[in-house]
Amino acid sequence: MMKHHLLCAPVLLTLAGTAAAQGSATLYGIADAGITYRSNERVGKTGAYQGHSNVGVTTGNLSGSRWGLKGREDLGNGLSAIFVLEDGFDISNGTSGQSGRLFGRQAFVGLADQHFGSLTMGRQYTSLDDFVGPVAPVSQIGGFGAHPGDIDDLDQTTRVDNSIKYTSANYNGLTFGALYGFGGQAGSLKRKNTWSVGAGYANGPLRVGVGYERSDNSKTGLDDTTYGKWQGTYDGTFNSSINEGFASAQSQQVVAAGATWNFSTVQVGVNYSNVQYKAGANSLYSGTAKFNIAGVFGMWNVQPNTHLFASYSYTRGSDVDNLDDAAQYHNVSVSALYDFSKRSTVYLLAGYQHASGTTLDALGRPVAATASVSDKGNGHSSNAQSQAIVSVGLREKF
């Protein structure tokens, strides 16, 4: 047996040296689970909902549970080949997230140059996500910090299939990028496509991000009842009482901007988004539905391992199918985080939302607006004007 080990040792050392020369690959991930309470969760059929409280084990409360592989190979002269394969999963039952995809969170390969930036292809986040997400409240407490229903995609619930993306190098704090997602529709470059641009700037305590995103729907007619048939993005994007009535839109457009400022132990931020759903010939509503969202947030690092967070956002609809009293949403989120180590964090997260006015249901009919707290209400919207969600749990990074 000792002879076998001695014979294998040079082979293993040779393989290790070869791997080191060619590049590197890293296994990483997050396991996040907790106990969550939701009030007034709606159950039943559209138009006949009833509300009940719900308590259970939930996943991805602070950060989406995931595992992934990422790698880089040095090709010389500042050029590298890169890849990322990332799978989301539900730790409460072991199933894959993102509609059961194996690498539903991200899957791309490309080239990166230290002077010019990177060019990647695959299933990717949009440029709006890349540049505005880091200056939004979701960068601190995940989906609990999202705007109602994640209507403006700042919680990165949207990924784009068949996409090509360019992200610049860092030029004295300035970065920028663009993405185009091919629709894959024979005879049309427009149907089901998505495109996005964004830019960011960081200098000392200041960080700023802006972005634009546009997606085209592929709904085929009034008898097509599969809502949200968008280009590779439907992971629950319209699974909320906030925007389910607009899944049949011809197109969705998002303009967003945000900024943060660090005051030593305190970080404050502001953000604004404008979302428009434009109706087409086959939509279940008419005109262009618009939503304006404004928010503020702050994080206080009480101690190096203790953090307190609070955010508020106001969302107002307008031009919604000629409704006189368009929906309004007030959303508040708070949290307390304690780091046992750099990898282990316990958390207490809470969100509350109050809705008023009128919106559209999943069948395009006018209904009283109901609450759907942040991104955590998606799939668990309330049947009433108010909803509260509280979660306590543990996040482990690896």
Protein backbone atom coordinates (compact mmCIF):
# COMPACT_ATOMS: atom_id res chain seq x y z
CA MET A 1 0.00 0.00 0.00
CA MET A 2 2.86 2.39 0.86
CA LYS A 3 4.41 1.69 -2.56
CA HIS A 4 1.14 2.61 -4.26
CA HIS A 5 1.02 5.91 -2.35
CA LEU A 6 4.60 6.67 -3.31
CA LEU A 7 3.89 5.91 -6.94
CA CYS A 8 0.73 8.06 -6.98
CA ALA A 9 2.31 11.05 -5.26
CA PRO A 10 4.30 12.31 -8.29
CA VAL A 11 1.21 11.91 -10.51
CA LEU A 12 -0.98 13.92 -8.11
CA LEU A 13 1.67 16.63 -7.79
CA THR A 14 1.96 16.81 -11.58
CA LEU A 15 -1.82 17.12 -12.00
CA ALA A 16 -1.99 19.80 -9.28
CA GLY A 17 0.79 21.74 -10.96
CA THR A 18 -0.94 21.48 -14.32
CA ALA A 19 -4.23 22.71 -12.84
CA ALA A 20 -2.48 25.63 -11.16
CA ALA A 21 -0.80 26.59 -14.42
CA GLN A 22 -4.03 26.42 -16.39
CA GLY A 23 -6.25 28.32 -13.98
CA SER A 24 -8.46 27.85 -10.96
CA ALA A 25 -11.98 26.77 -10.08
CA THR A 26 -13.81 27.61 -6.85
CA LEU A 27 -16.77 25.91 -5.20
CA TYR A 28 -18.90 28.36 -3.21
CA GLY A 29 -22.38 28.74 -1.82
CA ILE A 30 -24.90 29.92 0.75
CA ALA A 31 -27.30 27.89 2.90
CA ASP A 32 -30.04 30.08 4.40
CA ALA A 33 -33.11 28.89 6.29
CA GLY A 34 -35.44 30.19 8.98
CA ILE A 35 -38.90 30.18 10.49
CA THR A 36 -41.20 32.69 8.80
CA TYR A 37 -44.62 34.08 9.71
CA ARG A 38 -46.90 35.70 7.11
CA SER A 39 -50.19 37.38 7.88
CA ASN A 40 -53.30 37.42 5.68
CA GLU A 41 -51.83 35.10 3.07
CA ARG A 42 -54.37 34.63 0.30
CA VAL A 43 -55.60 31.16 -0.63
CA GLY A 44 -58.14 29.99 -3.15
CA LYS A 45 -58.94 31.07 -6.68
CA THR A 46 -58.59 34.48 -8.30
CA GLY A 47 -61.56 36.62 -7.34
CA ALA A 48 -62.47 34.37 -4.40
CA TYR A 49 -59.43 34.60 -2.18
CA GLN A 50 -59.51 34.10 1.56
CA GLY A 51 -56.76 35.05 3.99
CA HIS A 52 -54.98 32.98 6.62
CA SER A 53 -51.77 33.35 8.60
CA ASN A 54 -48.95 31.00 7.66
CA VAL A 55 -45.91 29.78 9.63
CA GLY A 56 -43.21 27.46 8.35
CA VAL A 57 -39.60 26.83 7.38
CA THR A 58 -38.50 29.05 4.50
CA THR A 59 -35.28 29.33 2.50
CA GLY A 60 -33.30 32.29 1.20
CA ASN A 61 -34.67 34.84 3.65
CA LEU A 62 -31.51 36.94 3.96
CA SER A 63 -29.68 35.58 0.90
CA GLY A 64 -30.86 33.12 -1.71
CA SER A 65 -29.60 29.60 -0.98
CA ARG A 66 -27.21 28.50 -3.71
CA TRP A 67 -24.11 26.58 -4.69
CA GLY A 68 -21.87 27.30 -7.59
CA LEU A 69 -18.62 26.86 -9.48
CA LYS A 70 -16.60 29.73 -10.85
CA GLY A 71 -13.30 29.66 -12.62
CA ARG A 72 -10.66 31.71 -14.37
CA GLU A 73 -7.82 30.74 -16.68
CA ASP A 74 -4.99 33.16 -17.41
CA LEU A 75 -4.46 33.36 -21.19
CA GLY A 76 -1.65 35.90 -21.00
CA ASN A 77 -1.33 39.64 -21.65
CA GLY A 78 -4.07 40.46 -19.13
CA LEU A 79 -6.67 38.22 -20.84
CA SER A 80 -8.52 35.44 -18.99
CA ALA A 81 -11.22 32.90 -19.78
CA ILE A 82 -13.97 32.90 -17.11
CA PHE A 83 -17.09 30.91 -16.27
CA VAL A 84 -19.82 30.75 -13.60
CA LEU A 85 -22.34 27.94 -12.99
CA GLU A 86 -24.71 28.71 -10.09
CA ASP A 87 -27.68 26.70 -8.87
CA GLY A 88 -30.38 28.03 -6.55
CA PHE A 89 -32.14 25.60 -4.21
CA ASP A 90 -34.80 25.40 -1.53
CA ILE A 91 -33.07 24.13 1.60
CA SER A 92 -36.42 23.31 3.22
CA ASN A 93 -37.12 20.49 0.74
CA GLY A 94 -33.95 20.11 -1.34
CA THR A 95 -35.48 21.09 -4.68
CA SER A 96 -33.89 23.36 -7.28
CA GLY A 97 -35.09 26.93 -7.56
CA GLN A 98 -35.72 29.08 -10.62
CA SER A 99 -38.44 26.77 -11.97
CA GLY A 100 -36.31 23.65 -11.44
CA ARG A 101 -33.33 24.71 -13.55
CA LEU A 102 -30.00 23.08 -12.71
CA PHE A 103 -28.06 26.34 -12.97
CA GLY A 104 -30.99 28.72 -12.80
CA ARG A 105 -29.27 31.57 -10.98
CA GLN A 106 -26.40 32.03 -13.43
CA ALA A 107 -24.68 30.08 -16.20
CA PHE A 108 -22.20 31.87 -18.44
CA VAL A 109 -18.76 31.71 -20.03
CA GLY A 110 -16.63 34.43 -21.55
CA LEU A 111 -13.42 36.42 -21.72
CA ALA A 112 -12.19 39.11 -19.32
CA ASP A 113 -9.47 41.66 -20.08
CA GLN A 114 -7.95 43.77 -17.30
CA HIS A 115 -7.89 46.85 -19.52
CA PHE A 116 -11.15 46.58 -21.50
CA GLY A 117 -13.56 44.53 -19.37
CA SER A 118 -15.45 41.27 -19.91
CA LEU A 119 -17.68 39.75 -22.59
CA THR A 120 -19.85 36.84 -21.44
CA MET A 121 -22.60 34.63 -22.88
CA GLY A 122 -25.30 32.54 -21.24
CA ARG A 123 -28.01 33.03 -18.57
CA GLN A 124 -27.13 36.25 -16.77
CA TYR A 125 -28.33 39.18 -14.68
CA THR A 126 -29.09 42.41 -16.52
CA SER A 127 -26.88 45.48 -16.44
CA LEU A 128 -29.54 47.23 -14.34
CA ASP A 129 -29.07 44.49 -11.73
CA ASP A 130 -25.29 44.83 -11.87
CA PHE A 131 -25.14 48.58 -11.28
CA VAL A 132 -28.27 49.58 -9.34
CA GLY A 133 -28.64 46.44 -7.20
CA PRO A 134 -25.49 47.19 -5.13
CA VAL A 135 -26.89 50.61 -4.12
CA ALA A 136 -30.38 49.31 -3.31
CA PRO A 137 -31.59 48.05 0.09
CA VAL A 138 -31.55 44.46 -1.20
CA SER A 139 -27.75 44.61 -1.04
CA GLN A 140 -28.12 44.65 2.77
CA ILE A 141 -31.06 42.34 3.60
CA GLY A 142 -32.01 40.63 0.35
CA GLY A 143 -35.68 40.26 -0.61
CA PHE A 144 -36.95 41.88 2.59
CA GLY A 145 -35.44 45.13 1.31
CA ALA A 146 -36.98 44.87 -2.16
CA HIS A 147 -39.63 47.22 -3.45
CA PRO A 148 -43.19 45.79 -3.49
CA GLY A 149 -43.30 42.58 -5.49
CA ASP A 150 -39.74 43.35 -6.68
CA ILE A 151 -41.55 45.30 -9.37
CA ASP A 152 -38.34 47.01 -10.55
CA ASP A 153 -36.10 43.90 -10.47
CA LEU A 154 -33.66 45.34 -7.94
CA ASP A 155 -33.71 42.05 -6.00
CA GLN A 156 -32.26 40.29 -9.04
CA THR A 157 -35.14 37.87 -9.46
CA THR A 158 -34.81 38.29 -13.24
CA ARG A 159 -32.22 36.45 -15.31
CA VAL A 160 -31.94 36.58 -19.08
CA ASP A 161 -31.42 33.47 -21.20
CA ASN A 162 -29.48 33.45 -24.50
CA SER A 163 -27.79 36.70 -23.56
CA ILE A 164 -24.50 38.38 -24.34
CA LYS A 165 -23.16 40.96 -21.88
CA TYR A 166 -20.31 43.43 -21.82
CA THR A 167 -19.04 44.91 -18.54
CA SER A 168 -16.24 47.46 -18.62
CA ALA A 169 -13.09 47.55 -16.56
CA ASN A 170 -12.89 50.07 -13.70
CA TYR A 171 -11.82 53.48 -15.02
CA ASN A 172 -11.02 55.57 -11.94
CA GLY A 173 -14.24 54.49 -10.24
CA LEU A 174 -16.43 54.49 -13.38
CA THR A 175 -17.84 51.23 -14.73
CA PHE A 176 -20.54 50.60 -17.35
CA GLY A 177 -22.08 47.79 -19.33
CA ALA A 178 -24.82 46.49 -21.60
CA LEU A 179 -26.72 43.24 -22.16
CA TYR A 180 -28.78 41.85 -25.03
CA GLY A 181 -30.90 38.73 -24.72
CA PHE A 182 -31.87 37.08 -28.01
CA GLY A 183 -35.51 36.09 -28.20
CA GLY A 184 -34.83 32.98 -30.25
CA GLN A 185 -37.99 33.51 -32.31
CA ALA A 186 -37.78 32.56 -35.97
CA GLY A 187 -38.43 35.55 -38.22
CA SER A 188 -38.24 38.12 -35.40
CA LEU A 189 -35.38 39.77 -33.53
CA LYS A 190 -37.82 41.56 -31.21
CA ARG A 191 -40.21 38.95 -29.79
CA LYS A 192 -39.11 37.82 -26.33
CA ASN A 193 -35.89 39.85 -26.42
CA THR A 194 -34.43 41.75 -23.47
CA TRP A 195 -31.83 44.48 -23.40
CA SER A 196 -30.30 46.55 -20.66
CA VAL A 197 -27.64 49.21 -20.04
CA GLY A 198 -26.16 50.55 -16.83
CA ALA A 199 -23.34 52.48 -15.23
CA GLY A 200 -21.86 52.99 -11.80
CA TYR A 201 -19.39 55.27 -10.05
CA ALA A 202 -17.59 54.82 -6.74
CA ASN A 203 -15.33 57.36 -5.07
CA GLY A 204 -14.55 57.23 -1.36
CA PRO A 205 -17.77 56.98 0.67
CA LEU A 206 -20.00 57.68 -2.38
CA ARG A 207 -21.41 55.04 -4.69
CA VAL A 208 -23.92 55.70 -7.48
CA GLY A 209 -25.68 53.41 -9.96
CA VAL A 210 -28.12 53.91 -12.86
CA GLY A 211 -29.73 51.43 -15.22
CA TYR A 212 -32.32 50.79 -17.91
CA GLU A 213 -34.02 47.50 -18.79
CA ARG A 214 -36.58 46.58 -21.45
CA SER A 215 -38.23 43.21 -22.16
CA ASP A 216 -40.70 42.17 -24.85
CA ASN A 217 -43.49 39.68 -24.12
CA SER A 218 -44.39 36.75 -26.37
CA LYS A 219 -48.05 36.32 -25.43
CA THR A 220 -49.70 34.92 -28.55
CA GLY A 221 -53.34 35.88 -28.07
CA LEU A 222 -56.27 36.36 -25.70
CA ASP A 223 -56.63 32.58 -25.39
CA ASP A 224 -53.03 32.28 -24.19
CA THR A 225 -53.53 32.00 -20.44
CA THR A 226 -49.89 31.33 -19.51
CA TYR A 227 -49.05 34.73 -18.07
CA GLY A 228 -45.57 36.16 -17.95
CA LYS A 229 -44.21 34.42 -21.06
CA TRP A 230 -41.13 36.58 -21.12
CA GLN A 231 -37.66 35.86 -22.49
CA GLY A 232 -36.22 33.40 -19.99
CA THR A 233 -37.01 35.69 -17.08
CA TYR A 234 -40.12 34.19 -15.52
CA ASP A 235 -39.04 32.92 -12.12
CA GLY A 236 -42.03 34.39 -10.30
CA THR A 237 -41.70 37.92 -11.63
CA PHE A 238 -45.49 38.26 -11.91
CA ASN A 239 -46.34 36.02 -8.97
CA SER A 240 -47.50 38.95 -6.84
CA SER A 241 -50.69 40.95 -6.37
CA ILE A 242 -48.62 44.07 -7.17
CA ASN A 243 -48.03 43.33 -10.84
CA GLU A 244 -49.80 40.07 -11.78
CA GLY A 245 -52.38 42.08 -13.71
CA PHE A 246 -49.71 43.25 -16.17
CA ALA A 247 -48.10 39.96 -17.16
CA SER A 248 -49.87 40.19 -20.54
CA ALA A 249 -48.15 43.48 -21.38
CA GLN A 250 -46.51 43.93 -24.76
CA SER A 251 -43.37 45.20 -23.06
CA GLN A 252 -41.91 46.06 -19.67
CA GLN A 253 -39.52 49.00 -19.14
CA VAL A 254 -37.57 49.82 -15.98
CA VAL A 255 -35.48 52.91 -15.27
CA ALA A 256 -33.72 52.92 -11.90
CA ALA A 257 -31.10 54.86 -9.98
CA GLY A 258 -29.64 54.77 -6.50
CA ALA A 259 -26.85 56.11 -4.33
CA THR A 260 -25.24 55.26 -1.00
CA TRP A 261 -22.94 57.17 1.34
CA ASN A 262 -20.85 55.63 4.09
CA PHE A 263 -20.44 57.56 7.34
CA SER A 264 -17.95 55.26 9.05
CA THR A 265 -20.31 52.90 10.94
CA VAL A 266 -23.48 54.10 9.19
CA GLN A 267 -24.50 53.71 5.55
CA VAL A 268 -27.47 55.60 4.11
CA GLY A 269 -29.04 55.25 0.68
CA VAL A 270 -31.72 56.62 -1.63
CA ASN A 271 -33.26 55.05 -4.72
CA TYR A 272 -35.85 55.73 -7.40
CA SER A 273 -37.44 53.57 -10.09
CA ASN A 274 -39.97 54.04 -12.86
CA VAL A 275 -41.68 50.93 -14.24
CA GLN A 276 -43.94 50.88 -17.30
CA TYR A 277 -46.03 48.05 -18.72
CA LYS A 278 -47.14 48.86 -22.26
CA ALA A 279 -50.27 47.08 -23.50
CA GLY A 280 -50.46 45.49 -26.93
CA ALA A 281 -53.16 44.04 -29.15
CA ASN A 282 -53.35 40.84 -27.07
CA SER A 283 -53.06 42.35 -23.60
CA LEU A 284 -55.77 42.03 -20.95
CA TYR A 285 -55.75 45.80 -20.34
CA SER A 286 -55.22 48.97 -22.39
CA GLY A 287 -52.78 51.87 -22.33
CA THR A 288 -49.51 52.05 -20.41
CA ALA A 289 -49.49 51.21 -16.72
CA LYS A 290 -46.87 53.17 -14.79
CA PHE A 291 -45.39 52.78 -11.31
CA ASN A 292 -43.07 55.23 -9.58
CA ILE A 293 -41.10 53.97 -6.57
CA ALA A 294 -38.97 56.02 -4.19
CA GLY A 295 -37.15 54.73 -1.15
CA VAL A 296 -34.63 55.45 1.59
CA PHE A 297 -32.65 53.08 3.82
CA GLY A 298 -29.91 52.95 6.42
CA MET A 299 -27.57 50.37 7.94
CA TRP A 300 -25.91 50.92 11.33
CA ASN A 301 -22.95 48.73 12.23
CA VAL A 302 -23.41 48.90 15.99
CA GLN A 303 -20.43 46.60 16.48
CA PRO A 304 -18.23 44.85 13.90
CA ASN A 305 -20.51 41.82 14.21
CA THR A 306 -23.86 43.51 14.97
CA HIS A 307 -25.91 45.35 12.36
CA LEU A 308 -29.28 47.12 12.38
CA PHE A 309 -31.18 48.07 9.20
CA ALA A 310 -34.33 49.99 8.27
CA SER A 311 -35.89 51.00 4.95
CA TYR A 312 -39.02 52.66 3.63
CA SER A 313 -40.41 52.83 0.10
CA TYR A 314 -43.46 54.42 -1.47
CA THR A 315 -44.94 53.04 -4.70
CA ARG A 316 -47.66 54.78 -6.71
CA GLY A 317 -49.38 53.51 -9.82
CA SER A 318 -50.77 55.74 -12.57
CA ASP A 319 -52.47 55.44 -15.97
CA VAL A 320 -53.61 51.92 -15.01
CA ASP A 321 -56.30 51.03 -17.55
CA ASN A 322 -58.11 54.34 -16.89
CA LEU A 323 -58.60 53.60 -13.19
CA ASP A 324 -59.36 56.77 -11.24
CA ASP A 325 -57.77 55.61 -7.99
CA ALA A 326 -54.55 53.79 -8.91
CA ALA A 327 -52.85 51.63 -6.32
CA GLN A 328 -50.42 52.94 -3.70
CA TYR A 329 -48.09 50.94 -1.46
CA HIS A 330 -46.19 51.91 1.70
CA ASN A 331 -43.49 49.35 2.53
CA VAL A 332 -41.32 49.24 5.68
CA SER A 333 -38.54 46.75 6.43
CA VAL A 334 -36.32 46.35 9.50
CA SER A 335 -33.67 43.83 10.48
CA ALA A 336 -31.09 42.86 13.08
CA LEU A 337 -28.07 40.76 12.08
CA TYR A 338 -25.42 39.13 14.26
CA ASP A 339 -22.28 37.58 12.75
CA PHE A 340 -20.89 34.62 14.69
CA SER A 341 -18.07 34.65 12.14
CA LYS A 342 -17.38 35.81 8.57
CA ARG A 343 -19.45 32.86 7.36
CA SER A 344 -22.23 32.43 9.94
CA THR A 345 -24.97 35.00 10.57
CA VAL A 346 -28.20 34.84 12.56
CA TYR A 347 -30.94 37.27 11.61
CA LEU A 348 -34.29 38.73 12.49
CA LEU A 349 -36.08 40.21 9.47
CA ALA A 350 -39.45 41.94 9.36
CA GLY A 351 -41.52 43.72 6.73
CA TYR A 352 -44.88 45.48 6.69
CA GLN A 353 -46.86 46.87 3.78
CA HIS A 354 -50.12 48.79 3.45
CA ALA A 355 -51.92 49.07 0.11
CA SER A 356 -54.74 51.32 -1.05
CA GLY A 357 -56.49 52.18 -4.29
CA THR A 358 -57.36 49.97 -7.26
CA THR A 359 -55.30 47.70 -9.50
CA LEU A 360 -55.85 44.75 -11.86
CA ASP A 361 -56.02 41.06 -10.95
CA ALA A 362 -54.44 38.21 -12.93
CA LEU A 363 -57.42 38.25 -15.32
CA GLY A 364 -57.10 41.98 -15.99
CA ARG A 365 -60.13 42.95 -13.89
CA PRO A 366 -60.22 45.99 -11.57
CA VAL A 367 -59.85 44.98 -7.91
CA ALA A 368 -58.92 46.62 -4.63
CA ALA A 369 -55.14 46.65 -4.22
CA THR A 370 -53.77 44.16 -1.70
CA ALA A 371 -50.39 43.99 0.02
CA SER A 372 -47.42 41.83 -0.99
CA VAL A 373 -44.45 42.66 1.25
CA SER A 374 -41.23 43.40 -0.60
CA ASP A 375 -40.07 40.40 -2.66
CA LYS A 376 -40.94 38.00 0.16
CA GLY A 377 -44.67 38.37 -0.57
CA ASN A 378 -44.27 36.98 -4.08
CA GLY A 379 -46.34 33.84 -4.21
CA HIS A 380 -47.71 34.67 -0.76
CA SER A 381 -49.58 37.93 -1.35
CA SER A 382 -52.21 39.11 1.10
CA ASN A 383 -55.95 39.11 0.50
CA ALA A 384 -56.15 42.35 2.50
CA GLN A 385 -54.71 45.84 2.38
CA SER A 386 -52.03 45.06 4.97
CA GLN A 387 -49.49 42.30 5.39
CA ALA A 388 -46.66 41.57 7.83
CA ILE A 389 -43.84 39.06 7.37
CA VAL A 390 -41.30 38.12 10.07
CA SER A 391 -38.43 35.68 9.72
CA VAL A 392 -35.74 34.46 12.11
CA GLY A 393 -33.00 32.21 10.85
CA LEU A 394 -29.39 31.35 10.05
CA ARG A 395 -27.25 32.02 6.97
CA GLU A 396 -24.09 29.98 6.40
CA LYS A 397 -21.61 30.82 3.62
CA PHE A 398 -19.13 28.35 2.21
